[in-house]
Protein backbone atom coordinates (compact mmCIF):
# COMPACT_ATOMS: atom_id res chain seq x y z
CA PRO A 1 93.78 -216.54 11.82
CA LEU A 2 89.85 -217.96 10.78
CA ARG A 3 90.51 -220.08 7.66
CA ALA A 4 87.50 -220.44 5.57
CA ALA A 5 86.91 -224.34 6.36
CA ASP A 6 87.42 -223.78 9.99
CA ALA A 7 84.56 -221.15 9.96
CA ALA A 8 82.10 -223.29 7.74
CA PRO A 9 80.37 -224.79 10.94
CA LEU A 10 80.16 -221.33 12.59
CA ALA A 11 78.72 -219.53 9.18
CA ALA A 12 76.31 -222.48 9.15
CA ALA A 13 74.88 -222.03 12.60
CA LEU A 14 74.72 -217.90 12.20
CA PRO A 15 74.11 -217.59 8.27
CA ARG A 16 73.97 -213.79 8.67
CA ALA A 17 77.28 -213.41 9.81
CA HIS A 18 80.19 -211.85 8.13
CA PHE A 19 83.88 -212.48 8.55
CA PRO A 20 85.70 -209.15 8.02
CA SER A 21 89.40 -208.86 7.87
CA ASN A 22 91.54 -207.38 10.37
CA PRO A 23 91.60 -204.49 10.70
CA ALA A 24 87.86 -203.44 9.31
CA ARG A 25 86.22 -200.40 8.47
CA VAL A 26 82.59 -201.01 8.83
CA ARG A 27 79.63 -198.43 8.58
CA VAL A 28 76.80 -199.34 11.33
CA ALA A 29 73.50 -196.96 11.58
CA GLY A 30 75.75 -194.43 9.84
CA ARG A 31 78.78 -194.52 11.90
CA ASP A 32 82.03 -195.29 10.75
CA VAL A 33 83.83 -198.08 13.22
CA VAL A 34 87.17 -199.25 12.72
CA VAL A 35 87.94 -202.75 14.41
CA PHE A 36 91.51 -203.87 15.00
CA ARG A 37 92.46 -206.71 17.05
CA SER A 38 96.40 -206.03 17.85
CA PRO A 39 98.28 -205.68 21.01
CA MET A 40 99.26 -202.27 19.79
CA ALA A 41 99.21 -200.69 23.33
CA SER A 42 101.85 -203.01 24.45
CA THR A 43 103.64 -202.49 20.97
CA LEU A 44 104.12 -198.65 21.35
CA ARG A 45 104.70 -198.83 25.03
CA ALA A 46 107.81 -201.02 24.36
CA ARG A 47 108.91 -198.35 21.72
CA ALA A 48 108.06 -195.22 23.57
CA LEU A 49 110.84 -193.21 25.00
CA LEU A 50 108.59 -192.16 28.10
CA PRO A 51 105.94 -194.55 29.51
CA PRO A 52 102.49 -193.03 29.52
CA ALA A 53 101.50 -191.15 32.20
CA GLY A 54 99.49 -192.88 34.79
CA GLY A 55 101.88 -196.29 34.72
CA GLU A 56 103.33 -198.96 32.73
CA GLY A 57 101.04 -201.86 33.50
CA GLY A 58 100.33 -204.39 30.50
CA GLY A 59 96.73 -203.72 30.56
CA SER A 60 96.46 -200.21 31.92
CA ALA A 61 93.92 -197.85 30.94
CA ALA A 62 96.64 -195.22 30.39
CA GLY A 63 98.71 -197.73 28.07
CA PHE A 64 95.36 -198.01 25.69
CA GLU A 65 94.53 -194.45 25.71
CA HIS A 66 98.08 -193.68 24.69
CA ALA A 67 98.13 -196.27 22.00
CA ALA A 68 94.65 -195.23 20.56
CA VAL A 69 95.55 -191.18 20.86
CA THR A 70 98.98 -192.22 18.92
CA LEU A 71 97.06 -194.15 16.53
CA LEU A 72 94.25 -191.36 15.66
CA GLN A 73 96.71 -188.37 15.66
CA GLN A 74 99.34 -190.27 12.85
CA ALA A 75 95.93 -191.36 11.18
CA HIS A 76 97.22 -195.01 10.92
CA LEU A 77 97.03 -198.40 12.36
CA ALA A 78 100.54 -199.04 12.50
CA PRO A 79 102.68 -196.10 13.00
CA LEU A 80 105.99 -197.63 13.51
CA PRO A 81 109.21 -197.72 11.66
CA LEU A 82 109.45 -199.82 8.56
CA HIS A 83 112.02 -202.26 10.43
CA ASP A 84 109.43 -202.70 13.06
CA ALA A 85 106.31 -203.32 10.88
CA PRO A 86 107.26 -204.10 7.44
CA VAL A 87 104.44 -202.48 5.03
CA HIS A 88 102.64 -204.07 2.15
CA TRP A 89 102.09 -201.05 -0.21
CA ALA A 90 99.30 -202.35 -2.00
CA ALA A 91 97.29 -202.59 0.91
CA ASP A 92 98.35 -199.76 3.08
CA ALA A 93 95.28 -197.82 2.60
CA GLY A 94 93.27 -200.29 4.75
CA MET A 95 95.50 -199.29 7.82
CA ALA A 96 94.52 -195.63 7.12
CA LEU A 97 92.64 -193.70 10.14
CA TYR A 98 91.50 -190.85 7.69
CA PRO A 99 88.97 -189.48 7.79
CA LEU A 100 88.54 -190.01 11.56
CA PRO A 101 85.84 -192.81 12.23
CA HIS A 102 83.22 -191.98 14.81
CA ALA A 103 84.71 -195.04 16.88
CA LEU A 104 87.82 -197.07 17.26
CA VAL A 105 87.62 -200.39 18.61
CA LEU A 106 91.22 -201.19 19.31
CA ALA A 107 90.83 -205.09 21.05
CA GLY A 108 94.41 -205.59 22.49
CA GLY A 109 93.83 -208.11 25.47
CA GLY A 110 93.57 -205.55 28.06
CA GLY A 111 91.06 -204.52 30.37
CA PRO A 112 87.85 -203.02 29.42
CA ALA A 113 88.34 -198.95 28.82
CA SER A 114 86.98 -196.29 26.64
CA PHE A 115 87.57 -192.76 26.27
CA SER A 116 86.55 -190.14 23.53
CA PHE A 117 89.21 -188.03 21.25
CA GLU A 118 88.29 -185.44 18.92
CA GLY A 119 84.67 -187.20 18.94
CA CYS A 120 86.12 -190.48 18.10
CA ALA A 121 84.75 -193.05 20.71
CA CYS A 122 88.08 -195.02 21.48
CA VAL A 123 86.81 -198.49 22.95
CA ASP A 124 88.98 -201.95 24.31
CA PRO A 125 86.34 -204.18 24.94
CA GLY A 126 88.40 -206.39 27.03
CA GLY A 127 87.85 -210.03 27.44
CA PHE A 128 85.00 -212.00 28.79
CA ALA A 129 87.62 -214.40 30.78
CA ALA A 130 89.39 -211.42 32.75
CA GLY A 131 86.64 -211.18 35.59
CA GLY A 132 83.67 -211.00 32.95
CA SER A 133 83.52 -207.52 32.30
CA PHE A 134 83.55 -205.72 29.00
CA ALA A 135 82.86 -202.88 27.07
CA ALA A 136 80.01 -202.31 24.54
CA TYR A 137 79.83 -199.83 21.83
CA ALA A 138 76.31 -198.93 20.63
CA PRO A 139 76.59 -197.05 16.99
CA ALA A 140 73.43 -196.07 16.89
CA SER A 141 73.66 -193.62 20.19
CA GLY A 142 77.32 -193.53 19.90
CA ALA A 143 77.66 -194.69 23.57
CA VAL A 144 80.02 -197.04 25.11
CA GLU A 145 78.70 -199.18 28.26
CA MET A 146 80.66 -200.85 30.63
CA CYS A 147 79.25 -204.42 30.93
CA GLU A 148 79.60 -207.45 33.47
CA LEU A 149 78.72 -210.89 33.38
CA PRO A 150 76.59 -211.94 36.39
CA ASP A 151 78.14 -214.51 38.49
CA GLU A 152 76.49 -217.75 38.29
């Protein structure tokens, strides 16, 4: 977690930067975007009775799609039993996905992936360290673009 004292140098260098909570629901260019940084794909896969179609790989696109669809269908960012994910009921409304957002950015450490479900763009941005490829979401157009850092 980023503490205020740790963020002070970054906030001084970037005066217009915001440091929201995790998860965060933001409205950008008239679109609702939910950003959630969690290894939810691996968490749900570990508790699944049957593996998602397309493979059991740690960062597989099938695992990401399975996790994102589960979250959207359950309309909650932690659709797990209480013994696996205890609930602080006063803050539980922040985990709700109703109404359905325009985009769900589920940053879970897997490779970059994207798909659309019921009009919601689901994006795993991936990481720069994993081959330099990542996914970018453009709220103004609602498009997802797969990007790659050039080799030096």
